[in-house]
Structure formats: C-alpha cells, structure tokens
Amino acid sequence: MLILLPPSEGKTRPESGSPLDLETLSFPALTPVREVLLRSLVKLCNGKPEHAAEVLGLGPTQAGAIAVNAALTNEPTARADAIYTGVLFSALDLPSLDEAARGRADSTIAIASALFGLVRPDDHIPAYRLSGTVTLPRLGTVAARWRTTLPQVMQDEVGDGLLVDLRSGTYTALGKPPADITGRTATMRVLHEHQGKRKVVSHFNKATKGRIVRGLMESGADPRSVDELQGVLQDLGWTVERHGGRLDVVVDEVATS
C-alpha cells in the first residue's frame, strides 16, 4: 500500500541539521526533475525579491520565505514529517506513534511536493516555499515538469498493491495515477452529516484524514483493494460508503485536530 498525502503550505524551518542532499531522498528516479526545479527556484529567489514574490504568489508578510529559498542548498534539513505542519500532520502526529507504527509510516506514506515530487516522512528536507500552481521562469509550470515522471514512479512503488491517494487537486495535478493502477486506487472525501443533511467539509477534512491514516498505521493493516480498505476503515470505527474508487467517510462531528 502506498498512501499519498498533500503537503502543507506552512512549514517549520529547522534550527540545525545537515544541508540538503538530493541523493539521499527516496524515489531516486525523481532526482533529475528535483535538480532542475531547485536550481530554478534558488536562481529566482536570488534575483529581485519583488519579482520572486510575484512568481511565487507571496504577500508582504511572507518575504522571509524568499531569503530562505535563495539559500536552500545550504539550509538545515530535518525529517519531512517535522518540516510539514498543519491540520493533517497535527492529527496524524507521526512522532507519537510507537516504533513499529512509525516504521510502517516511513515505508507506506509519501508526501507530495512541488519541489521534490514525493518524499517519505523520514527524508531530510529543508523548509521551502513553492506551490504546485507556480510557473517558474523559462521552465513553465511546476506541474508540467512532474507529469512525465511522477506517474511511473507511483506505479513502480505500488506494484500489485493499493494506492490511497489523499492529495488535494493542486498536487494530484503533478501526476495522476496511471491507467494500470486506477482500479487499485482509492480516493477519499469527508462528509459531515447533521440533521439528516450532508455536506463536504474542506479545511477540517484534513484532520479526519490525518486520524484515518494514523489508525491505519497503528492497526498494521495492509489492504490490497478498495473493498479491503473500506472494510479496514469500518473495523476502525469509521462510517464509510464506496462509490467506485472513492470512499466517502461520513462523520457527525467535524474533527478539528
């Protein structure tokens, strides 16, 4: 099973750590694109700050991110699950898992990244600022750079197992699951049911998904089909309805953390 998570736009900058070494990252087939994007981002942020802010979609209060990007090759790194912050990662809370569950997370979860494509939770990366919607000078869109390589890497990693794709639309656009594994790909949405009515939750669906993934890591389950995944989630206490490859998780309380 391969579980794909979206990144968080907000990131925690480590105070110390070794500088970035692309050769140590998981999914080495992605390294050539990582190198191209990293060079372009660093060059952009070493130019005029106003231009970099416009390209990256950053406001006045985010100017510090440009200086960090400009020095990315020398910035300290930490585990990816310590860099990414936000609702989903807070609910997932990987550091508090026991050793066995943490090991499963490191080998099962991959986090989408506009700069790195995919990273494992234990990959060491710096804090950076680059959205999947950005168009870099002379390179074009970030998404276009990934679309030719990311699907094959996903397929190779999934093998004959199950892909659980929890990425947001922006990061799904970096590379959709190839046709060969669409029948073994599960997506998920969270529905809040109140007084007999349901609505899709947006911001707080991240907390629910984080708790779901945490439960999967703690259970040690390894579902190999969408049907099996539905059964595992129901065993974990979730109300789940299947619609093709999409699983609807119905909650009566909206998780905020």
C-alpha atoms as a PDB file:
ATOM      1  CA  MET A   1       0.000   0.000   0.000  1.00  0.00           C
ATOM      2  CA  LEU A   2       1.152   3.490  -0.874  1.00  0.00           C
ATOM      3  CA  ILE A   3      -0.600   6.439   0.807  1.00  0.00           C
ATOM      4  CA  LEU A   4      -0.139   9.820  -0.847  1.00  0.00           C
ATOM      5  CA  LEU A   5      -0.609  12.888   1.341  1.00  0.00           C
ATOM      6  CA  PRO A   6      -0.719  16.555   0.349  1.00  0.00           C
ATOM      7  CA  PRO A   7       1.992  18.796   1.778  1.00  0.00           C
ATOM      8  CA  SER A   8       1.289  21.791   3.968  1.00  0.00           C
ATOM      9  CA  GLU A   9       1.969  25.240   2.579  1.00  0.00           C
ATOM     10  CA  GLY A  10       3.213  26.244   6.032  1.00  0.00           C
ATOM     11  CA  LYS A  11       6.464  24.610   7.091  1.00  0.00           C
ATOM     12  CA  THR A  12       8.671  24.595  10.169  1.00  0.00           C
ATOM     13  CA  ARG A  13      12.223  25.736   9.495  1.00  0.00           C
ATOM     14  CA  PRO A  14      14.701  23.603  11.469  1.00  0.00           C
ATOM     15  CA  GLU A  15      17.253  25.392  13.605  1.00  0.00           C
ATOM     16  CA  SER A  16      20.011  22.928  12.779  1.00  0.00           C
ATOM     17  CA  GLY A  17      20.699  19.976  10.540  1.00  0.00           C
ATOM     18  CA  SER A  18      22.737  18.862   7.552  1.00  0.00           C
ATOM     19  CA  PRO A  19      22.239  20.685   4.247  1.00  0.00           C
ATOM     20  CA  LEU A  20      20.093  19.171   1.532  1.00  0.00           C
ATOM     21  CA  ASP A  21      21.492  16.153  -0.301  1.00  0.00           C
ATOM     22  CA  LEU A  22      19.181  15.142  -3.123  1.00  0.00           C
ATOM     23  CA  GLU A  23      20.954  11.806  -3.477  1.00  0.00           C
ATOM     24  CA  THR A  24      19.674  10.705  -0.053  1.00  0.00           C
ATOM     25  CA  LEU A  25      15.997  11.218  -0.867  1.00  0.00           C
ATOM     26  CA  SER A  26      13.598   8.385  -1.601  1.00  0.00           C
ATOM     27  CA  PHE A  27      12.372   7.817  -5.171  1.00  0.00           C
ATOM     28  CA  PRO A  28      15.724   8.492  -6.910  1.00  0.00           C
ATOM     29  CA  ALA A  29      14.059   8.469 -10.332  1.00  0.00           C
ATOM     30  CA  LEU A  30      12.739  11.922  -9.411  1.00  0.00           C
ATOM     31  CA  THR A  31      16.196  13.407  -8.798  1.00  0.00           C
ATOM     32  CA  PRO A  32      16.721  14.933 -12.295  1.00  0.00           C
ATOM     33  CA  VAL A  33      13.493  16.967 -12.030  1.00  0.00           C
ATOM     34  CA  ARG A  34      14.320  17.905  -8.438  1.00  0.00           C
ATOM     35  CA  GLU A  35      17.677  19.285  -9.570  1.00  0.00           C
ATOM     36  CA  VAL A  36      16.118  21.401 -12.329  1.00  0.00           C
ATOM     37  CA  LEU A  37      13.408  22.841 -10.092  1.00  0.00           C
ATOM     38  CA  LEU A  38      15.811  23.500  -7.220  1.00  0.00           C
ATOM     39  CA  ARG A  39      18.230  25.426  -9.453  1.00  0.00           C
ATOM     40  CA  SER A  40      15.401  27.466 -10.931  1.00  0.00           C
ATOM     41  CA  LEU A  41      13.850  28.285  -7.558  1.00  0.00           C
ATOM     42  CA  VAL A  42      17.176  29.312  -5.999  1.00  0.00           C
ATOM     43  CA  LYS A  43      18.042  31.488  -9.009  1.00  0.00           C
ATOM     44  CA  LEU A  44      14.633  33.155  -8.945  1.00  0.00           C
ATOM     45  CA  CYS A  45      14.918  33.984  -5.247  1.00  0.00           C
ATOM     46  CA  ASN A  46      18.436  35.346  -5.621  1.00  0.00           C
ATOM     47  CA  GLY A  47      17.117  37.913  -8.094  1.00  0.00           C
ATOM     48  CA  LYS A  48      14.734  40.764  -7.455  1.00  0.00           C
ATOM     49  CA  PRO A  49      12.621  39.958  -4.374  1.00  0.00           C
ATOM     50  CA  GLU A  50       9.574  41.701  -5.828  1.00  0.00           C
ATOM     51  CA  HIS A  51       9.683  39.507  -8.926  1.00  0.00           C
ATOM     52  CA  ALA A  52      10.178  36.348  -6.881  1.00  0.00           C
ATOM     53  CA  ALA A  53       7.238  37.243  -4.658  1.00  0.00           C
ATOM     54  CA  GLU A  54       5.021  37.787  -7.687  1.00  0.00           C
ATOM     55  CA  VAL A  55       6.019  34.480  -9.299  1.00  0.00           C
ATOM     56  CA  LEU A  56       5.594  32.507  -6.068  1.00  0.00           C
ATOM     57  CA  GLY A  57       2.363  34.251  -5.077  1.00  0.00           C
ATOM     58  CA  LEU A  58       3.758  35.521  -1.777  1.00  0.00           C
ATOM     59  CA  GLY A  59       2.474  38.536   0.130  1.00  0.00           C
ATOM     60  CA  PRO A  60       4.430  41.156   2.091  1.00  0.00           C
ATOM     61  CA  THR A  61       4.317  39.112   5.310  1.00  0.00           C
ATOM     62  CA  GLN A  62       5.945  36.156   3.532  1.00  0.00           C
ATOM     63  CA  ALA A  63       9.026  37.980   2.283  1.00  0.00           C
ATOM     64  CA  GLY A  64      11.262  35.911   4.570  1.00  0.00           C
ATOM     65  CA  ALA A  65      10.436  32.809   2.532  1.00  0.00           C
ATOM     66  CA  ILE A  66      12.256  34.306  -0.450  1.00  0.00           C
ATOM     67  CA  ALA A  67      15.512  34.594   1.503  1.00  0.00           C
ATOM     68  CA  VAL A  68      15.118  31.010   2.734  1.00  0.00           C
ATOM     69  CA  ASN A  69      14.518  29.777  -0.836  1.00  0.00           C
ATOM     70  CA  ALA A  70      17.572  31.674  -2.054  1.00  0.00           C
ATOM     71  CA  ALA A  71      19.768  29.676   0.351  1.00  0.00           C
ATOM     72  CA  LEU A  72      18.020  26.290   0.020  1.00  0.00           C
ATOM     73  CA  THR A  73      21.163  24.348  -0.840  1.00  0.00           C
ATOM     74  CA  ASN A  74      22.709  25.453   2.466  1.00  0.00           C
ATOM     75  CA  GLU A  75      19.595  25.471   4.655  1.00  0.00           C
ATOM     76  CA  PRO A  76      19.399  22.949   7.517  1.00  0.00           C
ATOM     77  CA  THR A  77      17.197  19.928   6.937  1.00  0.00           C
ATOM     78  CA  ALA A  78      15.024  17.732   9.127  1.00  0.00           C
ATOM     79  CA  ARG A  79      12.647  14.826   8.649  1.00  0.00           C
ATOM     80  CA  ALA A  80       9.862  15.755   6.249  1.00  0.00           C
ATOM     81  CA  ASP A  81       7.256  14.939   8.895  1.00  0.00           C
ATOM     82  CA  ALA A  82       8.871  17.603  11.097  1.00  0.00           C
ATOM     83  CA  ILE A  83       9.004  20.164   8.274  1.00  0.00           C
ATOM     84  CA  TYR A  84       5.381  19.901   7.179  1.00  0.00           C
ATOM     85  CA  THR A  85       2.926  21.395   9.662  1.00  0.00           C
ATOM     86  CA  GLY A  86      -0.785  21.996   9.593  1.00  0.00           C
ATOM     87  CA  VAL A  87      -4.060  20.297  10.396  1.00  0.00           C
ATOM     88  CA  LEU A  88      -3.467  16.964   8.676  1.00  0.00           C
ATOM     89  CA  PHE A  89       0.031  16.456  10.057  1.00  0.00           C
ATOM     90  CA  SER A  90      -1.030  17.553  13.532  1.00  0.00           C
ATOM     91  CA  ALA A  91      -3.813  14.953  13.540  1.00  0.00           C
ATOM     92  CA  LEU A  92      -1.531  12.291  12.089  1.00  0.00           C
ATOM     93  CA  ASP A  93       1.114  13.083  14.735  1.00  0.00           C
ATOM     94  CA  LEU A  94       3.704  10.626  13.437  1.00  0.00           C
ATOM     95  CA  PRO A  95       6.298  11.340  16.164  1.00  0.00           C
ATOM     96  CA  SER A  96       3.969   9.947  18.837  1.00  0.00           C
ATOM     97  CA  LEU A  97       3.483   6.579  17.112  1.00  0.00           C
ATOM     98  CA  ASP A  98       5.225   3.552  18.557  1.00  0.00           C
ATOM     99  CA  GLU A  99       8.320   2.266  16.792  1.00  0.00           C
ATOM    100  CA  ALA A 100       6.515  -0.340  14.687  1.00  0.00           C
ATOM    101  CA  ALA A 101       3.803   2.060  13.511  1.00  0.00           C
ATOM    102  CA  ARG A 102       6.391   4.771  12.798  1.00  0.00           C
ATOM    103  CA  GLY A 103       8.317   2.317  10.670  1.00  0.00           C
ATOM    104  CA  ARG A 104       5.172   1.432   8.735  1.00  0.00           C
ATOM    105  CA  ALA A 105       4.522   5.128   8.152  1.00  0.00           C
ATOM    106  CA  ASP A 106       8.036   5.705   6.835  1.00  0.00           C
ATOM    107  CA  SER A 107       7.640   2.893   4.288  1.00  0.00           C
ATOM    108  CA  THR A 108       3.965   3.397   3.403  1.00  0.00           C
ATOM    109  CA  ILE A 109       3.372   7.169   3.296  1.00  0.00           C
ATOM    110  CA  ALA A 110       4.648   9.545   0.628  1.00  0.00           C
ATOM    111  CA  ILE A 111       4.094  13.292   0.820  1.00  0.00           C
ATOM    112  CA  ALA A 112       3.520  15.222  -2.395  1.00  0.00           C
ATOM    113  CA  SER A 113       5.840  18.158  -3.005  1.00  0.00           C
ATOM    114  CA  ALA A 114       6.056  20.727  -5.773  1.00  0.00           C
ATOM    115  CA  LEU A 115       9.839  20.840  -5.299  1.00  0.00           C
ATOM    116  CA  PHE A 116      10.658  17.183  -4.597  1.00  0.00           C
ATOM    117  CA  GLY A 117       7.776  15.316  -6.249  1.00  0.00           C
ATOM    118  CA  LEU A 118       7.328  12.820  -3.437  1.00  0.00           C
ATOM    119  CA  VAL A 119       9.176  12.388  -0.153  1.00  0.00           C
ATOM    120  CA  ARG A 120       8.955   9.815   2.610  1.00  0.00           C
ATOM    121  CA  PRO A 121       8.325  11.028   6.169  1.00  0.00           C
ATOM    122  CA  ASP A 122      11.922  10.206   7.125  1.00  0.00           C
ATOM    123  CA  ASP A 123      13.519  12.012   4.164  1.00  0.00           C
ATOM    124  CA  HIS A 124      15.508  15.048   5.281  1.00  0.00           C
ATOM    125  CA  ILE A 125      14.470  18.242   3.502  1.00  0.00           C
ATOM    126  CA  PRO A 126      14.657  21.987   4.233  1.00  0.00           C
ATOM    127  CA  ALA A 127      11.692  24.283   4.709  1.00  0.00           C
ATOM    128  CA  TYR A 128      10.870  25.810   1.319  1.00  0.00           C
ATOM    129  CA  ARG A 129       8.138  27.773  -0.380  1.00  0.00           C
ATOM    130  CA  LEU A 130       6.883  26.517  -3.740  1.00  0.00           C
ATOM    131  CA  SER A 131       3.292  25.739  -4.608  1.00  0.00           C
ATOM    132  CA  GLY A 132       2.176  23.243  -7.218  1.00  0.00           C
ATOM    133  CA  THR A 133       0.436  26.066  -9.092  1.00  0.00           C
ATOM    134  CA  VAL A 134       3.605  28.101  -9.726  1.00  0.00           C
ATOM    135  CA  THR A 135       5.036  28.790 -13.188  1.00  0.00           C
ATOM    136  CA  LEU A 136       8.813  29.209 -12.959  1.00  0.00           C
ATOM    137  CA  PRO A 137      10.703  31.454 -15.416  1.00  0.00           C
ATOM    138  CA  ARG A 138      11.800  29.604 -18.567  1.00  0.00           C
ATOM    139  CA  LEU A 139      10.644  26.266 -17.103  1.00  0.00           C
ATOM    140  CA  GLY A 140       6.881  26.600 -17.294  1.00  0.00           C
ATOM    141  CA  THR A 141       4.508  25.160 -14.757  1.00  0.00           C
ATOM    142  CA  VAL A 142       5.797  23.019 -11.926  1.00  0.00           C
ATOM    143  CA  ALA A 143       3.011  20.517 -12.623  1.00  0.00           C
ATOM    144  CA  ALA A 144       4.136  20.027 -16.227  1.00  0.00           C
ATOM    145  CA  ARG A 145       7.643  19.154 -15.033  1.00  0.00           C
ATOM    146  CA  TRP A 146       6.329  16.331 -12.861  1.00  0.00           C
ATOM    147  CA  ARG A 147       3.655  14.831 -15.111  1.00  0.00           C
ATOM    148  CA  THR A 148       6.119  12.889 -17.244  1.00  0.00           C
ATOM    149  CA  THR A 149       7.907  11.152 -14.364  1.00  0.00           C
ATOM    150  CA  LEU A 150       5.678  11.015 -11.298  1.00  0.00           C
ATOM    151  CA  PRO A 151       3.005   8.577 -12.598  1.00  0.00           C
ATOM    152  CA  GLN A 152       5.583   5.905 -13.428  1.00  0.00           C
ATOM    153  CA  VAL A 153       7.254   6.264 -10.042  1.00  0.00           C
ATOM    154  CA  MET A 154       3.870   5.856  -8.377  1.00  0.00           C
ATOM    155  CA  GLN A 155       3.123   2.752 -10.407  1.00  0.00           C
ATOM    156  CA  ASP A 156       6.518   1.215  -9.658  1.00  0.00           C
ATOM    157  CA  GLU A 157       6.094   1.865  -5.945  1.00  0.00           C
ATOM    158  CA  VAL A 158       2.549   0.488  -5.755  1.00  0.00           C
ATOM    159  CA  GLY A 159       3.401  -2.704  -7.629  1.00  0.00           C
ATOM    160  CA  ASP A 160       0.410  -5.028  -7.278  1.00  0.00           C
ATOM    161  CA  GLY A 161      -0.787  -3.252  -4.111  1.00  0.00           C
ATOM    162  CA  LEU A 162      -3.202  -0.443  -3.333  1.00  0.00           C
ATOM    163  CA  LEU A 163      -2.758   3.288  -3.879  1.00  0.00           C
ATOM    164  CA  VAL A 164      -4.578   5.541  -1.414  1.00  0.00           C
ATOM    165  CA  ASP A 165      -4.494   8.991  -2.987  1.00  0.00           C
ATOM    166  CA  LEU A 166      -5.358  11.681  -0.439  1.00  0.00           C
ATOM    167  CA  ARG A 167      -3.709  14.554  -2.293  1.00  0.00           C
ATOM    168  CA  SER A 168      -5.557  17.803  -2.951  1.00  0.00           C
ATOM    169  CA  GLY A 169      -6.383  18.815  -6.510  1.00  0.00           C
ATOM    170  CA  THR A 170      -3.293  21.009  -6.834  1.00  0.00           C
ATOM    171  CA  TYR A 171      -0.985  18.089  -6.074  1.00  0.00           C
ATOM    172  CA  THR A 172      -2.967  15.481  -7.972  1.00  0.00           C
ATOM    173  CA  ALA A 173      -2.218  17.665 -10.995  1.00  0.00           C
ATOM    174  CA  LEU A 174       1.502  16.902 -10.567  1.00  0.00           C
ATOM    175  CA  GLY A 175       0.793  13.366 -11.720  1.00  0.00           C
ATOM    176  CA  LYS A 176      -2.374  11.322 -11.796  1.00  0.00           C
ATOM    177  CA  PRO A 177      -2.306   7.576 -11.136  1.00  0.00           C
ATOM    178  CA  PRO A 178      -1.618   5.783 -14.439  1.00  0.00           C
ATOM    179  CA  ALA A 179      -4.335   3.674 -16.040  1.00  0.00           C
ATOM    180  CA  ASP A 180      -2.717   0.400 -14.959  1.00  0.00           C
ATOM    181  CA  ILE A 181      -3.433   1.122 -11.282  1.00  0.00           C
ATOM    182  CA  THR A 182      -6.649   3.152 -11.399  1.00  0.00           C
ATOM    183  CA  GLY A 183      -8.610   0.027 -10.451  1.00  0.00           C
ATOM    184  CA  ARG A 184      -6.456  -0.237  -7.329  1.00  0.00           C
ATOM    185  CA  THR A 185      -6.605   3.449  -6.437  1.00  0.00           C
ATOM    186  CA  ALA A 186      -8.756   4.766  -3.608  1.00  0.00           C
ATOM    187  CA  THR A 187      -9.582   8.430  -3.133  1.00  0.00           C
ATOM    188  CA  MET A 188     -11.460   9.805  -0.159  1.00  0.00           C
ATOM    189  CA  ARG A 189     -13.723  12.643   0.834  1.00  0.00           C
ATOM    190  CA  VAL A 190     -15.164  13.535   4.212  1.00  0.00           C
ATOM    191  CA  LEU A 191     -18.856  14.300   4.577  1.00  0.00           C
ATOM    192  CA  HIS A 192     -20.365  15.955   7.641  1.00  0.00           C
ATOM    193  CA  GLU A 193     -23.865  14.702   8.386  1.00  0.00           C
ATOM    194  CA  HIS A 194     -26.039  16.967  10.510  1.00  0.00           C
ATOM    195  CA  GLN A 195     -29.798  16.730  10.961  1.00  0.00           C
ATOM    196  CA  GLY A 196     -30.071  14.356   8.046  1.00  0.00           C
ATOM    197  CA  LYS A 197     -28.146  16.562   5.640  1.00  0.00           C
ATOM    198  CA  ARG A 198     -24.630  16.021   4.348  1.00  0.00           C
ATOM    199  CA  LYS A 199     -22.038  18.445   3.118  1.00  0.00           C
ATOM    200  CA  VAL A 200     -18.448  18.103   2.039  1.00  0.00           C
ATOM    201  CA  VAL A 201     -16.092  19.618   4.585  1.00  0.00           C
ATOM    202  CA  SER A 202     -12.985  21.328   3.294  1.00  0.00           C
ATOM    203  CA  HIS A 203     -10.480  22.603   5.851  1.00  0.00           C
ATOM    204  CA  PHE A 204     -11.391  20.134   8.578  1.00  0.00           C
ATOM    205  CA  ASN A 205     -11.378  17.114   6.296  1.00  0.00           C
ATOM    206  CA  LYS A 206      -7.602  17.260   6.689  1.00  0.00           C
ATOM    207  CA  ALA A 207      -7.839  16.423  10.388  1.00  0.00           C
ATOM    208  CA  THR A 208     -10.130  13.478   9.686  1.00  0.00           C
ATOM    209  CA  LYS A 209      -7.807  12.130   7.009  1.00  0.00           C
ATOM    210  CA  GLY A 210      -4.852  12.509   9.361  1.00  0.00           C
ATOM    211  CA  ARG A 211      -6.652  10.489  12.018  1.00  0.00           C
ATOM    212  CA  ILE A 212      -7.625   7.840   9.467  1.00  0.00           C
ATOM    213  CA  VAL A 213      -4.041   7.403   8.275  1.00  0.00           C
ATOM    214  CA  ARG A 214      -2.837   7.262  11.867  1.00  0.00           C
ATOM    215  CA  GLY A 215      -5.346   4.488  12.566  1.00  0.00           C
ATOM    216  CA  LEU A 216      -4.108   2.549   9.553  1.00  0.00           C
ATOM    217  CA  MET A 217      -0.510   2.806  10.748  1.00  0.00           C
ATOM    218  CA  GLU A 218      -1.438   1.729  14.281  1.00  0.00           C
ATOM    219  CA  SER A 219      -3.523  -1.212  13.053  1.00  0.00           C
ATOM    220  CA  GLY A 220      -0.803  -2.651  10.846  1.00  0.00           C
ATOM    221  CA  ALA A 221      -3.436  -3.396   8.198  1.00  0.00           C
ATOM    222  CA  ASP A 222      -2.315  -3.789   4.588  1.00  0.00           C
ATOM    223  CA  PRO A 223      -5.435  -3.697   2.399  1.00  0.00           C
ATOM    224  CA  ARG A 224      -4.784  -4.598  -1.216  1.00  0.00           C
ATOM    225  CA  SER A 225      -8.049  -3.408  -2.764  1.00  0.00           C
ATOM    226  CA  VAL A 226     -10.547  -0.595  -2.316  1.00  0.00           C
ATOM    227  CA  ASP A 227     -13.022  -3.098  -0.865  1.00  0.00           C
ATOM    228  CA  GLU A 228     -10.472  -4.281   1.692  1.00  0.00           C
ATOM    229  CA  LEU A 229      -9.649  -0.695   2.635  1.00  0.00           C
ATOM    230  CA  GLN A 230     -13.322   0.046   3.200  1.00  0.00           C
ATOM    231  CA  GLY A 231     -13.560  -2.989   5.477  1.00  0.00           C
ATOM    232  CA  VAL A 232     -10.482  -1.980   7.468  1.00  0.00           C
ATOM    233  CA  LEU A 233     -11.786   1.551   7.999  1.00  0.00           C
ATOM    234  CA  GLN A 234     -15.152   0.222   9.125  1.00  0.00           C
ATOM    235  CA  ASP A 235     -13.370  -2.086  11.567  1.00  0.00           C
ATOM    236  CA  LEU A 236     -11.597   1.012  12.897  1.00  0.00           C
ATOM    237  CA  GLY A 237     -14.972   2.597  13.635  1.00  0.00           C
ATOM    238  CA  TRP A 238     -15.478   4.851  10.612  1.00  0.00           C
ATOM    239  CA  THR A 239     -18.700   5.047   8.609  1.00  0.00           C
ATOM    240  CA  VAL A 240     -17.588   4.500   5.020  1.00  0.00           C
ATOM    241  CA  GLU A 241     -19.541   4.329   1.783  1.00  0.00           C
ATOM    242  CA  ARG A 242     -17.973   3.271  -1.503  1.00  0.00           C
ATOM    243  CA  HIS A 243     -18.657   4.942  -4.831  1.00  0.00           C
ATOM    244  CA  GLY A 244     -16.360   3.249  -7.331  1.00  0.00           C
ATOM    245  CA  GLY A 245     -12.832   4.148  -6.329  1.00  0.00           C
ATOM    246  CA  ARG A 246     -13.963   6.892  -3.966  1.00  0.00           C
ATOM    247  CA  LEU A 247     -14.638   6.247  -0.314  1.00  0.00           C
ATOM    248  CA  ASP A 248     -16.947   8.666   1.465  1.00  0.00           C
ATOM    249  CA  VAL A 249     -16.229   8.917   5.184  1.00  0.00           C
ATOM    250  CA  VAL A 250     -19.351  10.186   6.937  1.00  0.00           C
ATOM    251  CA  VAL A 251     -18.867  11.913  10.285  1.00  0.00           C
ATOM    252  CA  ASP A 252     -21.369  13.527  12.631  1.00  0.00           C
ATOM    253  CA  GLU A 253     -18.712  15.659  14.299  1.00  0.00           C
ATOM    254  CA  VAL A 254     -16.126  17.669  12.376  1.00  0.00           C
ATOM    255  CA  ALA A 255     -12.620  16.878  13.626  1.00  0.00           C
ATOM    256  CA  THR A 256     -10.506  20.000  14.106  1.00  0.00           C
ATOM    257  CA  SER A 257      -7.317  18.364  15.361  1.00  0.00           C
END
